[in-house]
Amino acid sequence: MFKSTRLISVATAVACGLSACSVETEQVTRRDADYSTRLLTSLETSTYSGADSTRAKPEPSEQSMNVYLTGYSYWDNTPRGSAQIARPVIHRSAGGTGTYDDPVTLAVGHIKTGTRSVMDYPAGTRFYIEKLRKYAIVEDLCGDGNTPQYGPCHSGYQGHDWLDIYVGGRSVGEAHSDRCMYSITGIQNVILNPQRGYEVHPGEISTSTCATL
């Protein structure tokens, strides 16, 4: 996906985007981000080792956190005019209605070293976006070029991790999609590793959710 510079300029003067190339992903603990909530997705890698490695790992616990949320659409994706994603988990292309079983595609920042790409949150990580009343799942990358780690998607915004959610928009046009993305952009509370049962307003974000904001 590609993050529209028209929307990024609301918070920063630089562009953020996604490179949907097929590079090898290594999911590791982010030791270089001591205050990052990203660490919460990989604590089990340091807790279980040696003889304990045969133990069943517990389900990750819920964690409420603030993130900087932006959106990307069918129109400003890469390739433009597509729903292509880089790390499919339950969808073959970007989508989702926001239920627990059909969460909306999320893109996250990453760092790149040679042909290796390390995601800020592993593909398959789930969130619940409280304002949107939707579950979401990491299936895409935010940040393109050879050094995406220097871009805002990985660096975050005002100390908050950056999540980029797919709003769709193919059926409503680019202008409407842009307005929708603008309306959801900002610091928002989310739940990392959410359980089932939260209130859900199902449907594509650009055609349903944005009309209620």
N, C-alpha and C. Protein backbone atom coordinates (compact mmCIF):
# COMPACT_ATOMS: atom_id res chain seq x y z
N MET A 1 0.83 -1.18 0.00
CA MET A 1 0.00 0.00 0.00
C MET A 1 0.87 1.24 0.00
N PHE A 2 0.30 2.31 -0.37
CA PHE A 2 1.00 3.59 -0.34
C PHE A 2 0.17 4.57 0.47
N LYS A 3 0.77 5.17 1.44
CA LYS A 3 0.08 6.15 2.26
C LYS A 3 0.08 7.49 1.56
N SER A 4 -1.10 8.02 1.33
CA SER A 4 -1.25 9.28 0.61
C SER A 4 -0.54 10.41 1.33
N THR A 5 0.32 11.13 0.61
CA THR A 5 1.04 12.25 1.22
C THR A 5 0.09 13.38 1.57
N ARG A 6 -1.09 13.42 0.94
CA ARG A 6 -2.05 14.46 1.28
C ARG A 6 -2.53 14.32 2.71
N LEU A 7 -2.64 13.07 3.19
CA LEU A 7 -3.12 12.84 4.54
C LEU A 7 -1.98 12.84 5.54
N ILE A 8 -0.84 12.32 5.14
CA ILE A 8 0.31 12.31 6.04
C ILE A 8 0.71 13.72 6.42
N SER A 9 0.55 14.67 5.51
CA SER A 9 0.97 16.03 5.77
C SER A 9 0.18 16.66 6.90
N VAL A 10 -0.93 16.07 7.29
CA VAL A 10 -1.67 16.57 8.43
C VAL A 10 -0.81 16.50 9.69
N ALA A 11 -0.01 15.44 9.79
CA ALA A 11 0.81 15.24 10.98
C ALA A 11 2.29 15.46 10.73
N THR A 12 2.76 15.13 9.53
CA THR A 12 4.18 15.25 9.24
C THR A 12 4.37 15.82 7.86
N ALA A 13 5.60 16.17 7.56
CA ALA A 13 5.89 16.74 6.25
C ALA A 13 6.51 15.73 5.32
N VAL A 14 6.43 14.47 5.71
CA VAL A 14 7.01 13.42 4.89
C VAL A 14 5.95 12.43 4.52
N ALA A 15 6.25 11.61 3.51
CA ALA A 15 5.29 10.61 3.05
C ALA A 15 5.59 9.27 3.67
N CYS A 16 4.55 8.45 3.80
CA CYS A 16 4.68 7.09 4.31
C CYS A 16 4.02 6.19 3.31
N GLY A 17 4.60 5.00 3.08
CA GLY A 17 3.95 4.11 2.13
C GLY A 17 4.29 2.69 2.39
N LEU A 18 3.70 1.81 1.61
CA LEU A 18 3.96 0.39 1.77
C LEU A 18 4.56 -0.16 0.52
N SER A 19 5.57 -1.00 0.69
CA SER A 19 6.12 -1.72 -0.44
C SER A 19 5.60 -3.13 -0.37
N ALA A 20 4.76 -3.53 -1.30
CA ALA A 20 4.13 -4.85 -1.27
C ALA A 20 4.98 -5.87 -1.99
N CYS A 21 6.29 -5.81 -1.76
CA CYS A 21 7.18 -6.75 -2.41
C CYS A 21 7.27 -8.02 -1.59
N SER A 22 7.72 -9.09 -2.21
CA SER A 22 7.82 -10.38 -1.53
C SER A 22 9.20 -10.53 -0.92
N VAL A 23 9.38 -9.98 0.28
CA VAL A 23 10.65 -10.11 0.98
C VAL A 23 10.44 -11.01 2.17
N GLU A 24 11.51 -11.66 2.62
CA GLU A 24 11.42 -12.58 3.75
C GLU A 24 11.17 -11.79 5.03
N THR A 25 10.23 -12.22 5.84
CA THR A 25 9.89 -11.54 7.08
C THR A 25 10.44 -12.30 8.27
N GLU A 26 11.13 -11.60 9.17
CA GLU A 26 11.62 -12.18 10.41
C GLU A 26 10.96 -11.44 11.55
N GLN A 27 10.16 -12.14 12.36
CA GLN A 27 9.43 -11.51 13.44
C GLN A 27 10.25 -11.65 14.71
N VAL A 28 10.82 -10.54 15.19
CA VAL A 28 11.70 -10.58 16.35
C VAL A 28 11.28 -9.50 17.34
N THR A 29 11.74 -9.65 18.57
CA THR A 29 11.47 -8.66 19.59
C THR A 29 12.24 -7.38 19.28
N ARG A 30 11.57 -6.20 19.46
CA ARG A 30 12.20 -4.94 19.14
C ARG A 30 12.94 -4.42 20.36
N ARG A 31 14.20 -4.81 20.51
CA ARG A 31 14.99 -4.39 21.66
C ARG A 31 15.40 -2.92 21.56
N ASP A 32 15.29 -2.34 20.36
CA ASP A 32 15.72 -0.96 20.18
C ASP A 32 14.57 0.00 20.42
N ALA A 33 13.46 -0.47 20.98
CA ALA A 33 12.32 0.41 21.24
C ALA A 33 11.80 0.12 22.64
N ASP A 34 12.59 0.53 23.65
CA ASP A 34 12.31 0.15 25.03
C ASP A 34 10.93 0.57 25.50
N TYR A 35 10.42 1.65 24.97
CA TYR A 35 9.14 2.15 25.43
C TYR A 35 8.02 1.82 24.46
N SER A 36 8.30 1.03 23.48
CA SER A 36 7.30 0.71 22.47
C SER A 36 6.38 -0.40 22.93
N THR A 37 5.08 -0.21 22.72
CA THR A 37 4.12 -1.25 23.04
C THR A 37 4.27 -2.42 22.09
N ARG A 38 5.10 -2.29 21.06
CA ARG A 38 5.36 -3.40 20.16
C ARG A 38 5.92 -4.60 20.91
N LEU A 39 6.63 -4.34 22.01
CA LEU A 39 7.23 -5.43 22.78
C LEU A 39 6.19 -6.40 23.30
N LEU A 40 4.97 -5.92 23.49
CA LEU A 40 3.93 -6.76 24.06
C LEU A 40 3.54 -7.90 23.16
N THR A 41 3.85 -7.83 21.89
CA THR A 41 3.47 -8.89 20.97
C THR A 41 4.47 -10.02 20.96
N SER A 42 5.62 -9.85 21.61
CA SER A 42 6.65 -10.87 21.51
C SER A 42 7.28 -11.22 22.85
N LEU A 43 6.61 -10.91 23.95
CA LEU A 43 7.16 -11.22 25.26
C LEU A 43 7.38 -12.71 25.45
N GLU A 44 6.54 -13.54 24.83
CA GLU A 44 6.66 -14.98 25.04
C GLU A 44 7.96 -15.53 24.47
N THR A 45 8.62 -14.83 23.54
CA THR A 45 9.85 -15.35 22.97
C THR A 45 10.98 -15.32 23.98
N SER A 46 10.90 -14.41 24.95
CA SER A 46 11.95 -14.35 25.97
C SER A 46 11.55 -15.10 27.24
N THR A 47 10.27 -15.45 27.38
CA THR A 47 9.79 -16.13 28.58
C THR A 47 10.00 -17.62 28.52
N TYR A 48 9.90 -18.21 27.33
CA TYR A 48 10.00 -19.65 27.18
C TYR A 48 11.28 -20.01 26.43
N SER A 49 12.13 -20.77 27.09
CA SER A 49 13.38 -21.18 26.45
C SER A 49 13.84 -22.48 27.07
N GLY A 50 14.80 -23.14 26.44
CA GLY A 50 15.37 -24.36 26.98
C GLY A 50 14.32 -25.41 27.22
N ALA A 51 14.33 -25.98 28.46
CA ALA A 51 13.39 -27.05 28.80
C ALA A 51 11.96 -26.58 28.76
N ASP A 52 11.74 -25.28 28.98
CA ASP A 52 10.39 -24.75 28.99
C ASP A 52 9.80 -24.62 27.60
N SER A 53 10.61 -24.82 26.56
CA SER A 53 10.15 -24.57 25.20
C SER A 53 9.07 -25.54 24.77
N THR A 54 8.93 -26.67 25.49
CA THR A 54 7.89 -27.64 25.13
C THR A 54 6.55 -27.29 25.76
N ARG A 55 6.55 -26.33 26.67
CA ARG A 55 5.32 -25.92 27.33
C ARG A 55 4.38 -25.22 26.37
N ALA A 56 3.09 -25.42 26.55
CA ALA A 56 2.12 -24.69 25.74
C ALA A 56 2.16 -23.22 26.14
N LYS A 57 2.25 -22.35 25.16
CA LYS A 57 2.31 -20.93 25.44
C LYS A 57 0.90 -20.38 25.65
N PRO A 58 0.72 -19.53 26.66
CA PRO A 58 -0.61 -18.97 26.91
C PRO A 58 -1.00 -17.98 25.82
N GLU A 59 -2.30 -17.79 25.68
CA GLU A 59 -2.77 -16.77 24.75
C GLU A 59 -2.29 -15.41 25.24
N PRO A 60 -1.86 -14.53 24.33
CA PRO A 60 -1.41 -13.20 24.75
C PRO A 60 -2.56 -12.45 25.41
N SER A 61 -2.24 -11.69 26.45
CA SER A 61 -3.28 -10.96 27.17
C SER A 61 -3.62 -9.65 26.48
N GLU A 62 -4.82 -9.17 26.75
CA GLU A 62 -5.25 -7.90 26.18
C GLU A 62 -4.42 -6.76 26.76
N GLN A 63 -4.25 -5.72 25.95
CA GLN A 63 -3.53 -4.54 26.41
C GLN A 63 -4.14 -3.31 25.76
N SER A 64 -4.62 -2.39 26.58
CA SER A 64 -5.15 -1.13 26.06
C SER A 64 -3.98 -0.18 25.81
N MET A 65 -4.01 0.52 24.69
CA MET A 65 -2.90 1.39 24.32
C MET A 65 -3.39 2.48 23.37
N ASN A 66 -2.66 3.56 23.30
CA ASN A 66 -2.94 4.61 22.32
C ASN A 66 -2.01 4.46 21.14
N VAL A 67 -2.55 4.63 19.94
CA VAL A 67 -1.75 4.58 18.72
C VAL A 67 -2.12 5.77 17.85
N TYR A 68 -1.29 6.02 16.86
CA TYR A 68 -1.64 7.01 15.84
C TYR A 68 -2.24 6.23 14.68
N LEU A 69 -3.53 6.46 14.42
CA LEU A 69 -4.25 5.71 13.39
C LEU A 69 -4.43 6.55 12.14
N THR A 70 -4.10 5.98 11.01
CA THR A 70 -4.38 6.59 9.71
C THR A 70 -5.07 5.55 8.85
N GLY A 71 -5.46 5.95 7.65
CA GLY A 71 -6.11 5.02 6.75
C GLY A 71 -5.48 5.03 5.37
N TYR A 72 -5.64 3.93 4.66
CA TYR A 72 -5.27 3.89 3.25
C TYR A 72 -6.41 3.23 2.49
N SER A 73 -6.50 3.56 1.21
CA SER A 73 -7.66 3.13 0.43
C SER A 73 -7.26 2.36 -0.82
N TYR A 74 -8.26 1.89 -1.50
CA TYR A 74 -8.08 1.24 -2.80
C TYR A 74 -7.35 2.18 -3.76
N TRP A 75 -7.56 3.48 -3.59
CA TRP A 75 -7.05 4.46 -4.56
C TRP A 75 -5.60 4.84 -4.33
N ASP A 76 -5.11 4.80 -3.10
CA ASP A 76 -3.72 5.20 -2.88
C ASP A 76 -2.85 4.03 -2.44
N ASN A 77 -3.32 2.84 -2.69
CA ASN A 77 -2.53 1.65 -2.43
C ASN A 77 -1.41 1.52 -3.46
N THR A 78 -0.51 0.60 -3.24
CA THR A 78 0.50 0.27 -4.24
C THR A 78 0.38 -1.21 -4.58
N PRO A 79 0.08 -1.55 -5.85
CA PRO A 79 -0.15 -0.66 -6.98
C PRO A 79 -1.42 0.17 -6.78
N ARG A 80 -1.41 1.36 -7.33
CA ARG A 80 -2.56 2.26 -7.23
C ARG A 80 -3.79 1.59 -7.86
N GLY A 81 -4.93 1.78 -7.23
CA GLY A 81 -6.15 1.17 -7.73
C GLY A 81 -6.15 -0.33 -7.54
N SER A 82 -5.76 -0.78 -6.34
CA SER A 82 -5.73 -2.22 -6.04
C SER A 82 -5.91 -2.42 -4.55
N ALA A 83 -6.16 -3.67 -4.17
CA ALA A 83 -6.27 -4.04 -2.76
C ALA A 83 -5.18 -5.04 -2.40
N GLN A 84 -4.08 -4.99 -3.13
CA GLN A 84 -2.97 -5.92 -2.91
C GLN A 84 -2.37 -5.72 -1.52
N ILE A 85 -2.02 -6.82 -0.87
CA ILE A 85 -1.37 -6.75 0.44
C ILE A 85 -0.10 -7.58 0.44
N ALA A 86 0.79 -7.28 1.38
CA ALA A 86 2.11 -7.91 1.40
C ALA A 86 2.19 -9.14 2.30
N ARG A 87 1.38 -9.21 3.34
CA ARG A 87 1.48 -10.31 4.31
C ARG A 87 0.10 -10.90 4.60
N PRO A 88 -0.56 -11.49 3.61
CA PRO A 88 -1.91 -12.02 3.82
C PRO A 88 -1.96 -13.07 4.93
N VAL A 89 -3.01 -13.00 5.71
CA VAL A 89 -3.22 -13.97 6.79
C VAL A 89 -4.57 -14.65 6.61
N ILE A 90 -5.65 -13.88 6.69
CA ILE A 90 -6.97 -14.45 6.45
C ILE A 90 -7.63 -13.89 5.20
N HIS A 91 -7.05 -12.84 4.63
CA HIS A 91 -7.56 -12.27 3.39
C HIS A 91 -6.51 -12.42 2.29
N ARG A 92 -6.96 -12.62 1.08
CA ARG A 92 -6.04 -12.64 -0.07
C ARG A 92 -5.73 -11.22 -0.54
N SER A 93 -6.63 -10.31 -0.24
CA SER A 93 -6.43 -8.89 -0.55
C SER A 93 -7.01 -8.08 0.60
N ALA A 94 -6.67 -6.81 0.66
CA ALA A 94 -7.11 -5.97 1.77
C ALA A 94 -8.62 -5.94 1.86
N GLY A 95 -9.13 -6.01 3.07
CA GLY A 95 -10.58 -6.01 3.24
C GLY A 95 -10.96 -6.29 4.68
N GLY A 96 -12.15 -6.84 4.87
CA GLY A 96 -12.65 -7.15 6.20
C GLY A 96 -13.80 -6.25 6.59
N THR A 97 -14.73 -6.80 7.36
CA THR A 97 -15.90 -6.04 7.81
C THR A 97 -15.76 -5.53 9.23
N GLY A 98 -14.74 -6.02 9.95
CA GLY A 98 -14.50 -5.53 11.29
C GLY A 98 -14.98 -6.44 12.40
N THR A 99 -15.56 -7.59 12.07
CA THR A 99 -15.93 -8.55 13.10
C THR A 99 -14.69 -9.29 13.57
N TYR A 100 -14.81 -10.06 14.65
CA TYR A 100 -13.66 -10.81 15.14
C TYR A 100 -13.19 -11.82 14.09
N ASP A 101 -14.13 -12.47 13.42
CA ASP A 101 -13.78 -13.48 12.43
C ASP A 101 -13.41 -12.90 11.08
N ASP A 102 -13.75 -11.64 10.85
CA ASP A 102 -13.41 -10.97 9.58
C ASP A 102 -12.87 -9.58 9.87
N PRO A 103 -11.72 -9.51 10.54
CA PRO A 103 -11.15 -8.21 10.91
C PRO A 103 -10.63 -7.45 9.69
N VAL A 104 -10.54 -6.14 9.83
CA VAL A 104 -10.08 -5.28 8.74
C VAL A 104 -8.56 -5.33 8.64
N THR A 105 -8.06 -5.31 7.42
CA THR A 105 -6.61 -5.33 7.19
C THR A 105 -5.93 -4.09 7.76
N LEU A 106 -4.82 -4.31 8.45
CA LEU A 106 -3.97 -3.24 8.97
C LEU A 106 -2.59 -3.33 8.35
N ALA A 107 -1.96 -2.18 8.14
CA ALA A 107 -0.56 -2.13 7.72
C ALA A 107 0.25 -1.53 8.86
N VAL A 108 1.46 -2.05 9.05
CA VAL A 108 2.34 -1.55 10.10
C VAL A 108 3.72 -1.26 9.53
N GLY A 109 4.49 -0.48 10.24
CA GLY A 109 5.84 -0.16 9.82
C GLY A 109 6.76 -1.37 9.89
N HIS A 110 7.93 -1.21 9.31
CA HIS A 110 8.91 -2.30 9.31
C HIS A 110 10.29 -1.74 9.08
N ILE A 111 11.29 -2.56 9.38
CA ILE A 111 12.67 -2.19 9.07
C ILE A 111 13.18 -3.18 8.04
N LYS A 112 14.09 -2.73 7.23
CA LYS A 112 14.58 -3.55 6.13
C LYS A 112 16.09 -3.56 6.14
N THR A 113 16.65 -4.77 6.09
CA THR A 113 18.09 -4.95 5.98
C THR A 113 18.35 -5.93 4.86
N GLY A 114 18.85 -5.42 3.75
CA GLY A 114 19.04 -6.28 2.59
C GLY A 114 17.70 -6.78 2.09
N THR A 115 17.55 -8.10 2.03
CA THR A 115 16.29 -8.68 1.56
C THR A 115 15.38 -9.07 2.72
N ARG A 116 15.79 -8.76 3.93
CA ARG A 116 15.03 -9.16 5.11
C ARG A 116 14.21 -7.99 5.65
N SER A 117 12.94 -8.25 5.94
CA SER A 117 12.05 -7.23 6.47
C SER A 117 11.50 -7.68 7.81
N VAL A 118 11.63 -6.84 8.83
CA VAL A 118 11.15 -7.15 10.17
C VAL A 118 9.97 -6.23 10.49
N MET A 119 8.80 -6.82 10.69
CA MET A 119 7.60 -6.04 10.93
C MET A 119 7.54 -5.54 12.38
N ASP A 120 7.00 -4.34 12.56
CA ASP A 120 6.83 -3.80 13.90
C ASP A 120 5.88 -4.66 14.74
N TYR A 121 4.86 -5.19 14.11
CA TYR A 121 3.96 -6.17 14.73
C TYR A 121 3.86 -7.35 13.78
N PRO A 122 3.94 -8.57 14.27
CA PRO A 122 3.89 -9.74 13.39
C PRO A 122 2.57 -9.82 12.63
N ALA A 123 2.64 -10.32 11.41
CA ALA A 123 1.42 -10.57 10.65
C ALA A 123 0.51 -11.47 11.47
N GLY A 124 -0.77 -11.13 11.50
CA GLY A 124 -1.73 -11.90 12.28
C GLY A 124 -2.06 -11.28 13.63
N THR A 125 -1.30 -10.26 14.05
CA THR A 125 -1.60 -9.57 15.30
C THR A 125 -2.95 -8.86 15.18
N ARG A 126 -3.79 -9.03 16.18
CA ARG A 126 -5.12 -8.42 16.13
C ARG A 126 -5.21 -7.21 17.06
N PHE A 127 -6.05 -6.27 16.64
CA PHE A 127 -6.37 -5.09 17.44
C PHE A 127 -7.89 -4.89 17.41
N TYR A 128 -8.37 -4.17 18.42
CA TYR A 128 -9.75 -3.68 18.39
C TYR A 128 -9.68 -2.17 18.42
N ILE A 129 -10.24 -1.52 17.40
CA ILE A 129 -10.22 -0.06 17.29
C ILE A 129 -11.49 0.47 17.93
N GLU A 130 -11.37 1.08 19.10
CA GLU A 130 -12.56 1.44 19.87
C GLU A 130 -13.45 2.45 19.16
N LYS A 131 -12.87 3.50 18.60
CA LYS A 131 -13.68 4.53 17.95
C LYS A 131 -14.43 3.98 16.75
N LEU A 132 -13.80 3.10 16.00
CA LEU A 132 -14.41 2.55 14.80
C LEU A 132 -15.31 1.36 15.10
N ARG A 133 -15.19 0.81 16.31
CA ARG A 133 -15.94 -0.40 16.68
C ARG A 133 -15.63 -1.54 15.71
N LYS A 134 -14.34 -1.76 15.50
CA LYS A 134 -13.94 -2.80 14.56
C LYS A 134 -12.70 -3.54 15.06
N TYR A 135 -12.68 -4.83 14.79
CA TYR A 135 -11.47 -5.62 14.96
C TYR A 135 -10.62 -5.45 13.70
N ALA A 136 -9.31 -5.52 13.86
CA ALA A 136 -8.40 -5.38 12.73
C ALA A 136 -7.25 -6.37 12.89
N ILE A 137 -6.60 -6.70 11.78
CA ILE A 137 -5.52 -7.69 11.79
C ILE A 137 -4.38 -7.22 10.91
N VAL A 138 -3.16 -7.40 11.37
CA VAL A 138 -1.98 -6.99 10.60
C VAL A 138 -1.79 -7.94 9.42
N GLU A 139 -1.86 -7.37 8.21
CA GLU A 139 -1.68 -8.15 6.98
C GLU A 139 -0.90 -7.39 5.92
N ASP A 140 -0.35 -6.23 6.27
CA ASP A 140 0.26 -5.40 5.24
C ASP A 140 1.39 -4.58 5.85
N LEU A 141 2.21 -4.01 4.99
CA LEU A 141 3.36 -3.21 5.39
C LEU A 141 3.13 -1.74 5.07
N CYS A 142 3.60 -0.88 5.94
CA CYS A 142 3.52 0.56 5.75
C CYS A 142 4.94 1.12 5.74
N GLY A 143 5.32 1.73 4.64
CA GLY A 143 6.68 2.24 4.50
C GLY A 143 7.39 1.56 3.35
N ASP A 144 7.83 2.35 2.36
CA ASP A 144 8.46 1.75 1.19
C ASP A 144 9.90 2.20 1.05
N GLY A 145 10.52 1.83 -0.04
CA GLY A 145 11.92 2.17 -0.27
C GLY A 145 12.86 1.19 0.42
N ASN A 146 14.15 1.48 0.34
CA ASN A 146 15.17 0.60 0.90
C ASN A 146 15.36 0.77 2.40
N THR A 147 14.91 1.90 2.96
CA THR A 147 15.08 2.15 4.39
C THR A 147 13.77 2.63 5.01
N PRO A 148 12.74 1.78 5.04
CA PRO A 148 11.45 2.20 5.61
C PRO A 148 11.55 2.53 7.09
N GLN A 149 12.60 2.06 7.76
CA GLN A 149 12.77 2.34 9.18
C GLN A 149 12.97 3.81 9.48
N TYR A 150 13.32 4.59 8.46
CA TYR A 150 13.50 6.02 8.66
C TYR A 150 12.24 6.81 8.36
N GLY A 151 11.19 6.13 7.95
CA GLY A 151 9.93 6.79 7.64
C GLY A 151 9.01 6.82 8.85
N PRO A 152 7.93 7.60 8.76
CA PRO A 152 7.03 7.78 9.91
C PRO A 152 6.27 6.53 10.33
N CYS A 153 6.00 5.62 9.40
CA CYS A 153 5.25 4.42 9.79
C CYS A 153 5.98 3.63 10.86
N HIS A 154 7.29 3.51 10.74
CA HIS A 154 8.08 2.78 11.73
C HIS A 154 8.42 3.68 12.92
N SER A 155 8.74 4.94 12.65
CA SER A 155 9.16 5.84 13.73
C SER A 155 8.01 6.19 14.66
N GLY A 156 6.78 6.17 14.13
CA GLY A 156 5.62 6.53 14.93
C GLY A 156 5.37 8.02 14.93
N TYR A 157 4.40 8.44 15.73
CA TYR A 157 4.00 9.86 15.77
C TYR A 157 3.80 10.28 17.22
N GLN A 158 4.59 11.25 17.66
CA GLN A 158 4.52 11.78 19.02
C GLN A 158 4.59 10.67 20.07
N GLY A 159 5.48 9.72 19.84
CA GLY A 159 5.69 8.64 20.80
C GLY A 159 4.72 7.49 20.70
N HIS A 160 3.83 7.53 19.73
CA HIS A 160 2.83 6.47 19.57
C HIS A 160 3.16 5.62 18.34
N ASP A 161 2.90 4.33 18.45
CA ASP A 161 3.04 3.46 17.29
C ASP A 161 2.00 3.84 16.24
N TRP A 162 2.36 3.59 14.99
CA TRP A 162 1.53 4.00 13.85
C TRP A 162 0.85 2.77 13.25
N LEU A 163 -0.49 2.81 13.19
CA LEU A 163 -1.26 1.77 12.51
C LEU A 163 -2.00 2.40 11.35
N ASP A 164 -2.02 1.71 10.23
CA ASP A 164 -2.66 2.21 9.01
C ASP A 164 -3.74 1.21 8.60
N ILE A 165 -5.00 1.60 8.66
CA ILE A 165 -6.10 0.68 8.43
C ILE A 165 -6.70 0.86 7.04
N TYR A 166 -7.09 -0.24 6.44
CA TYR A 166 -7.64 -0.19 5.08
C TYR A 166 -9.11 0.23 5.14
N VAL A 167 -9.44 1.30 4.40
CA VAL A 167 -10.82 1.81 4.41
C VAL A 167 -11.62 1.36 3.20
N GLY A 168 -10.96 0.74 2.21
CA GLY A 168 -11.67 0.34 0.99
C GLY A 168 -11.85 1.53 0.07
N GLY A 169 -13.09 1.77 -0.36
CA GLY A 169 -13.38 2.97 -1.13
C GLY A 169 -13.56 2.80 -2.62
N ARG A 170 -13.39 1.60 -3.12
CA ARG A 170 -13.49 1.42 -4.57
C ARG A 170 -14.85 1.87 -5.11
N SER A 171 -15.91 1.59 -4.38
CA SER A 171 -17.26 1.89 -4.88
C SER A 171 -17.70 3.32 -4.66
N VAL A 172 -16.96 4.08 -3.84
CA VAL A 172 -17.40 5.44 -3.53
C VAL A 172 -16.51 6.52 -4.12
N GLY A 173 -15.39 6.14 -4.72
CA GLY A 173 -14.52 7.11 -5.36
C GLY A 173 -13.41 7.62 -4.47
N GLU A 174 -12.41 8.23 -5.11
CA GLU A 174 -11.21 8.65 -4.40
C GLU A 174 -11.46 9.82 -3.45
N ALA A 175 -12.25 10.81 -3.88
CA ALA A 175 -12.48 11.98 -3.04
C ALA A 175 -13.17 11.60 -1.73
N HIS A 176 -14.18 10.75 -1.83
CA HIS A 176 -14.88 10.30 -0.62
C HIS A 176 -13.94 9.50 0.27
N SER A 177 -13.12 8.66 -0.33
CA SER A 177 -12.17 7.86 0.45
C SER A 177 -11.18 8.75 1.18
N ASP A 178 -10.71 9.80 0.52
CA ASP A 178 -9.78 10.73 1.16
C ASP A 178 -10.42 11.41 2.37
N ARG A 179 -11.68 11.84 2.22
CA ARG A 179 -12.37 12.48 3.35
C ARG A 179 -12.54 11.50 4.51
N CYS A 180 -12.82 10.27 4.16
CA CYS A 180 -12.97 9.24 5.19
C CYS A 180 -11.65 9.04 5.93
N MET A 181 -10.56 8.92 5.21
CA MET A 181 -9.26 8.72 5.84
C MET A 181 -8.90 9.89 6.74
N TYR A 182 -9.22 11.10 6.28
CA TYR A 182 -8.94 12.29 7.09
C TYR A 182 -9.71 12.24 8.41
N SER A 183 -10.96 11.77 8.35
CA SER A 183 -11.82 11.78 9.53
C SER A 183 -11.39 10.79 10.60
N ILE A 184 -10.68 9.74 10.23
CA ILE A 184 -10.26 8.75 11.23
C ILE A 184 -8.84 8.97 11.72
N THR A 185 -8.12 9.90 11.10
CA THR A 185 -6.71 10.11 11.44
C THR A 185 -6.56 10.79 12.80
N GLY A 186 -5.73 10.22 13.65
CA GLY A 186 -5.46 10.83 14.94
C GLY A 186 -5.05 9.81 15.98
N ILE A 187 -4.76 10.29 17.19
CA ILE A 187 -4.43 9.42 18.31
C ILE A 187 -5.70 8.73 18.78
N GLN A 188 -5.68 7.41 18.81
CA GLN A 188 -6.87 6.67 19.20
C GLN A 188 -6.52 5.52 20.14
N ASN A 189 -7.50 5.17 20.97
CA ASN A 189 -7.31 4.04 21.87
C ASN A 189 -7.66 2.75 21.16
N VAL A 190 -6.81 1.75 21.32
CA VAL A 190 -7.05 0.43 20.73
C VAL A 190 -6.75 -0.63 21.78
N ILE A 191 -7.18 -1.83 21.52
CA ILE A 191 -6.87 -2.97 22.38
C ILE A 191 -6.05 -3.96 21.58
N LEU A 192 -4.86 -4.24 22.07
CA LEU A 192 -3.98 -5.22 21.45
C LEU A 192 -4.35 -6.61 21.97
N ASN A 193 -4.37 -7.59 21.09
CA ASN A 193 -4.76 -8.96 21.43
C ASN A 193 -6.16 -9.03 22.05
N PRO A 194 -7.16 -8.42 21.40
CA PRO A 194 -8.50 -8.38 21.98
C PRO A 194 -9.18 -9.74 21.99
N GLN A 195 -10.04 -9.93 22.97
CA GLN A 195 -10.88 -11.11 23.01
C GLN A 195 -12.13 -10.87 22.17
N ARG A 196 -12.90 -11.89 21.97
CA ARG A 196 -14.19 -11.74 21.30
C ARG A 196 -15.14 -10.94 22.20
N GLY A 197 -16.21 -10.43 21.59
CA GLY A 197 -17.30 -9.87 22.38
C GLY A 197 -17.41 -8.37 22.41
N TYR A 198 -16.46 -7.64 21.83
CA TYR A 198 -16.58 -6.19 21.80
C TYR A 198 -17.63 -5.76 20.77
N GLU A 199 -18.22 -4.61 21.02
CA GLU A 199 -19.24 -4.09 20.10
C GLU A 199 -18.63 -3.87 18.72
N VAL A 200 -19.36 -4.28 17.70
CA VAL A 200 -18.88 -4.17 16.32
C VAL A 200 -19.92 -3.50 15.45
N HIS A 201 -19.46 -2.57 14.61
CA HIS A 201 -20.28 -1.99 13.56
C HIS A 201 -19.72 -2.54 12.24
N PRO A 202 -20.24 -3.65 11.75
CA PRO A 202 -19.65 -4.30 10.58
C PRO A 202 -19.87 -3.51 9.29
N GLY A 203 -18.93 -3.69 8.38
CA GLY A 203 -19.03 -3.04 7.08
C GLY A 203 -17.73 -2.37 6.69
N GLU A 204 -17.60 -2.06 5.41
CA GLU A 204 -16.41 -1.35 4.94
C GLU A 204 -16.35 0.03 5.56
N ILE A 205 -15.18 0.45 5.97
CA ILE A 205 -15.04 1.72 6.67
C ILE A 205 -15.50 2.89 5.83
N SER A 206 -15.11 2.94 4.56
CA SER A 206 -15.42 4.09 3.73
C SER A 206 -16.90 4.20 3.39
N THR A 207 -17.62 3.09 3.41
CA THR A 207 -19.03 3.13 3.02
C THR A 207 -20.00 3.09 4.20
N SER A 208 -19.48 2.83 5.39
CA SER A 208 -20.39 2.74 6.54
C SER A 208 -19.88 3.54 7.73
N THR A 209 -18.72 3.20 8.22
CA THR A 209 -18.22 3.77 9.47
C THR A 209 -18.01 5.27 9.40
N CYS A 210 -17.39 5.75 8.34
CA CYS A 210 -17.06 7.17 8.26
C CYS A 210 -18.30 8.06 8.27
N ALA A 211 -19.42 7.54 7.83
CA ALA A 211 -20.65 8.32 7.81
C ALA A 211 -21.16 8.62 9.21
N THR A 212 -20.69 7.85 10.20
CA THR A 212 -21.16 8.03 11.57
C THR A 212 -20.20 8.84 12.43
N LEU A 213 -19.05 9.22 11.89
CA LEU A 213 -18.05 9.93 12.68
C LEU A 213 -18.29 11.44 12.64
